Amino acid sequence: VQLQASGGGLVQAGGSLRLSCAASGRTAHTYGMGWFRQAPGKEREFVAGVAWTAGTTWYTDSVKGRFTISRDTDRSAVYLQMTSLRPEDTAVYSCAAKVYRGSYYTIANYKYWGQGTQVTVSS
């Protein structure tokens, strides 16, 4: 599975960005997709996840109500719509394919990773 993320950039606080992740290869062997982020000096953290089949979604508490994850099964693509962005959302965002059973919140359940895309929110 190959993943290609795009859509990052620089935005002012309160603004919006939409990240995209295009998946190719054996995506049928994956349960779903997740977005993670890593800020300088911090560990990578789960942001949002979505199951391919049911479209069920999961979010970390800090982005609930502001971020929306969605998937397009025909295109094998996943999107992260980010609104009301805050300076603390600044990070490198990466998409990942979940191939193991278990929680979408657990990074070890993801095997394939796309390159990161930088999101910078200025105050």
C-alpha atoms as a PDB file:
ATOM      1  CA  VAL A   1       0.000   0.000   0.000  1.00  0.00           C
ATOM      2  CA  GLN A   2       1.311   3.397  -0.985  1.00  0.00           C
ATOM      3  CA  LEU A   3      -0.016   6.587   0.537  1.00  0.00           C
ATOM      4  CA  GLN A   4       0.343  10.120  -0.755  1.00  0.00           C
ATOM      5  CA  ALA A   5      -0.656  13.001   1.500  1.00  0.00           C
ATOM      6  CA  SER A   6      -1.173  16.593   0.439  1.00  0.00           C
ATOM      7  CA  GLY A   7      -2.889  19.794   1.434  1.00  0.00           C
ATOM      8  CA  GLY A   8      -0.794  21.224   4.236  1.00  0.00           C
ATOM      9  CA  GLY A   9       0.210  24.845   4.480  1.00  0.00           C
ATOM     10  CA  LEU A  10       0.299  28.008   6.528  1.00  0.00           C
ATOM     11  CA  VAL A  11      -2.931  29.403   7.906  1.00  0.00           C
ATOM     12  CA  GLN A  12      -3.939  31.926  10.532  1.00  0.00           C
ATOM     13  CA  ALA A  13      -5.629  30.854  13.720  1.00  0.00           C
ATOM     14  CA  GLY A  14      -9.312  30.278  13.118  1.00  0.00           C
ATOM     15  CA  GLY A  15      -8.707  29.296   9.522  1.00  0.00           C
ATOM     16  CA  SER A  16      -9.272  26.029   7.694  1.00  0.00           C
ATOM     17  CA  LEU A  17      -7.300  23.487   5.713  1.00  0.00           C
ATOM     18  CA  ARG A  18      -8.192  20.249   3.985  1.00  0.00           C
ATOM     19  CA  LEU A  19      -5.721  17.392   3.880  1.00  0.00           C
ATOM     20  CA  SER A  20      -5.980  14.603   1.341  1.00  0.00           C
ATOM     21  CA  CYS A  21      -4.486  11.131   1.322  1.00  0.00           C
ATOM     22  CA  ALA A  22      -4.567   8.975  -1.784  1.00  0.00           C
ATOM     23  CA  ALA A  23      -4.060   5.247  -1.287  1.00  0.00           C
ATOM     24  CA  SER A  24      -2.956   2.764  -3.928  1.00  0.00           C
ATOM     25  CA  GLY A  25      -2.014  -0.887  -3.961  1.00  0.00           C
ATOM     26  CA  ARG A  26      -3.651  -3.569  -1.826  1.00  0.00           C
ATOM     27  CA  THR A  27      -6.011  -1.312   0.084  1.00  0.00           C
ATOM     28  CA  ALA A  28      -8.587  -4.110   0.272  1.00  0.00           C
ATOM     29  CA  HIS A  29      -6.394  -5.660   2.965  1.00  0.00           C
ATOM     30  CA  THR A  30      -6.731  -2.622   5.219  1.00  0.00           C
ATOM     31  CA  TYR A  31      -9.463  -1.921   7.755  1.00  0.00           C
ATOM     32  CA  GLY A  32      -9.352   1.822   7.427  1.00  0.00           C
ATOM     33  CA  MET A  33      -7.197   4.909   7.571  1.00  0.00           C
ATOM     34  CA  GLY A  34      -5.941   7.287  10.175  1.00  0.00           C
ATOM     35  CA  TRP A  35      -4.398  10.723  10.430  1.00  0.00           C
ATOM     36  CA  PHE A  36      -1.624  11.318  12.908  1.00  0.00           C
ATOM     37  CA  ARG A  37       0.413  14.394  13.735  1.00  0.00           C
ATOM     38  CA  GLN A  38       3.767  15.115  15.281  1.00  0.00           C
ATOM     39  CA  ALA A  39       4.756  18.495  16.653  1.00  0.00           C
ATOM     40  CA  PRO A  40       8.408  19.421  17.266  1.00  0.00           C
ATOM     41  CA  GLY A  41       9.713  17.732  20.397  1.00  0.00           C
ATOM     42  CA  LYS A  42       6.558  15.686  20.857  1.00  0.00           C
ATOM     43  CA  GLU A  43       5.544  12.144  20.117  1.00  0.00           C
ATOM     44  CA  ARG A  44       3.339  11.281  17.177  1.00  0.00           C
ATOM     45  CA  GLU A  45      -0.317  11.298  18.190  1.00  0.00           C
ATOM     46  CA  PHE A  46      -3.558  10.013  16.759  1.00  0.00           C
ATOM     47  CA  VAL A  47      -5.837  12.671  15.292  1.00  0.00           C
ATOM     48  CA  ALA A  48      -8.682  10.887  13.485  1.00  0.00           C
ATOM     49  CA  GLY A  49      -9.559   7.581  11.907  1.00  0.00           C
ATOM     50  CA  VAL A  50     -12.188   6.162   9.563  1.00  0.00           C
ATOM     51  CA  ALA A  51     -13.217   2.635   8.639  1.00  0.00           C
ATOM     52  CA  TRP A  52     -13.425   1.893   4.935  1.00  0.00           C
ATOM     53  CA  THR A  53     -16.589  -0.197   4.995  1.00  0.00           C
ATOM     54  CA  ALA A  54     -18.902   1.395   7.557  1.00  0.00           C
ATOM     55  CA  GLY A  55     -17.396   4.859   7.530  1.00  0.00           C
ATOM     56  CA  THR A  56     -17.267   4.905  11.301  1.00  0.00           C
ATOM     57  CA  THR A  57     -15.035   7.684  12.599  1.00  0.00           C
ATOM     58  CA  TRP A  58     -12.884   8.294  15.648  1.00  0.00           C
ATOM     59  CA  TYR A  59     -11.289  11.509  16.912  1.00  0.00           C
ATOM     60  CA  THR A  60      -8.926  12.571  19.599  1.00  0.00           C
ATOM     61  CA  ASP A  61     -10.657  14.851  22.081  1.00  0.00           C
ATOM     62  CA  SER A  62      -8.752  18.003  21.167  1.00  0.00           C
ATOM     63  CA  VAL A  63     -10.095  18.041  17.588  1.00  0.00           C
ATOM     64  CA  LYS A  64     -13.674  16.905  18.129  1.00  0.00           C
ATOM     65  CA  GLY A  65     -16.083  19.412  16.648  1.00  0.00           C
ATOM     66  CA  ARG A  66     -13.330  21.068  14.594  1.00  0.00           C
ATOM     67  CA  PHE A  67     -11.926  18.314  12.366  1.00  0.00           C
ATOM     68  CA  THR A  68     -13.853  15.951  10.116  1.00  0.00           C
ATOM     69  CA  ILE A  69     -12.422  12.825   8.550  1.00  0.00           C
ATOM     70  CA  SER A  70     -14.083  11.273   5.522  1.00  0.00           C
ATOM     71  CA  ARG A  71     -13.331   8.634   2.946  1.00  0.00           C
ATOM     72  CA  ASP A  72     -14.039   8.048  -0.718  1.00  0.00           C
ATOM     73  CA  THR A  73     -14.005   4.312  -1.286  1.00  0.00           C
ATOM     74  CA  ASP A  74     -14.191   4.644  -5.068  1.00  0.00           C
ATOM     75  CA  ARG A  75     -11.009   6.682  -5.090  1.00  0.00           C
ATOM     76  CA  SER A  76      -9.357   4.989  -2.109  1.00  0.00           C
ATOM     77  CA  ALA A  77      -8.870   8.425  -0.630  1.00  0.00           C
ATOM     78  CA  VAL A  78      -9.229   9.897   2.815  1.00  0.00           C
ATOM     79  CA  TYR A  79      -9.663  13.546   3.739  1.00  0.00           C
ATOM     80  CA  LEU A  80      -9.230  15.583   6.875  1.00  0.00           C
ATOM     81  CA  GLN A  81     -11.191  18.822   6.935  1.00  0.00           C
ATOM     82  CA  MET A  82      -9.729  21.040   9.634  1.00  0.00           C
ATOM     83  CA  THR A  83     -11.569  24.139  10.821  1.00  0.00           C
ATOM     84  CA  SER A  84     -11.096  26.608  13.680  1.00  0.00           C
ATOM     85  CA  LEU A  85      -7.413  25.837  13.585  1.00  0.00           C
ATOM     86  CA  ARG A  86      -5.296  26.750  16.584  1.00  0.00           C
ATOM     87  CA  PRO A  87      -1.543  27.324  16.930  1.00  0.00           C
ATOM     88  CA  GLU A  88      -1.334  24.086  18.920  1.00  0.00           C
ATOM     89  CA  ASP A  89      -2.516  22.200  15.805  1.00  0.00           C
ATOM     90  CA  THR A  90       0.821  23.016  14.184  1.00  0.00           C
ATOM     91  CA  ALA A  91       2.519  19.744  13.304  1.00  0.00           C
ATOM     92  CA  VAL A  92       3.496  17.410  10.512  1.00  0.00           C
ATOM     93  CA  TYR A  93       0.387  15.438   9.602  1.00  0.00           C
ATOM     94  CA  SER A  94       0.662  11.917   8.196  1.00  0.00           C
ATOM     95  CA  CYS A  95      -1.891   9.448   6.945  1.00  0.00           C
ATOM     96  CA  ALA A  96      -1.597   5.757   7.695  1.00  0.00           C
ATOM     97  CA  ALA A  97      -3.325   2.518   6.730  1.00  0.00           C
ATOM     98  CA  LYS A  98      -4.678   0.321   9.509  1.00  0.00           C
ATOM     99  CA  VAL A  99      -3.998  -3.331   8.816  1.00  0.00           C
ATOM    100  CA  TYR A 100      -4.275  -4.912  12.272  1.00  0.00           C
ATOM    101  CA  ARG A 101      -7.344  -5.486  14.409  1.00  0.00           C
ATOM    102  CA  GLY A 102      -7.876  -3.283  17.387  1.00  0.00           C
ATOM    103  CA  SER A 103      -8.296   0.328  18.231  1.00  0.00           C
ATOM    104  CA  TYR A 104      -7.905   3.061  15.646  1.00  0.00           C
ATOM    105  CA  TYR A 105      -6.233   5.092  18.390  1.00  0.00           C
ATOM    106  CA  THR A 106      -3.301   2.679  18.629  1.00  0.00           C
ATOM    107  CA  ILE A 107      -0.398   3.547  16.362  1.00  0.00           C
ATOM    108  CA  ALA A 108       0.883  -0.035  16.345  1.00  0.00           C
ATOM    109  CA  ASN A 109      -2.232  -1.100  14.390  1.00  0.00           C
ATOM    110  CA  TYR A 110      -1.065   0.877  11.363  1.00  0.00           C
ATOM    111  CA  LYS A 111       1.508  -0.499   8.959  1.00  0.00           C
ATOM    112  CA  TYR A 112       1.746   1.779   5.941  1.00  0.00           C
ATOM    113  CA  TRP A 113       2.532   5.464   6.191  1.00  0.00           C
ATOM    114  CA  GLY A 114       2.492   8.347   3.809  1.00  0.00           C
ATOM    115  CA  GLN A 115       4.966  11.161   3.856  1.00  0.00           C
ATOM    116  CA  GLY A 116       4.010  13.965   6.165  1.00  0.00           C
ATOM    117  CA  THR A 117       2.569  17.291   5.214  1.00  0.00           C
ATOM    118  CA  GLN A 118       3.304  20.370   7.285  1.00  0.00           C
ATOM    119  CA  VAL A 119       0.473  22.319   8.860  1.00  0.00           C
ATOM    120  CA  THR A 120       1.434  25.617  10.462  1.00  0.00           C
ATOM    121  CA  VAL A 121      -1.109  27.757  12.289  1.00  0.00           C
ATOM    122  CA  SER A 122      -0.024  31.269  13.141  1.00  0.00           C
ATOM    123  CA  SER A 123      -1.470  33.223  16.039  1.00  0.00           C
END
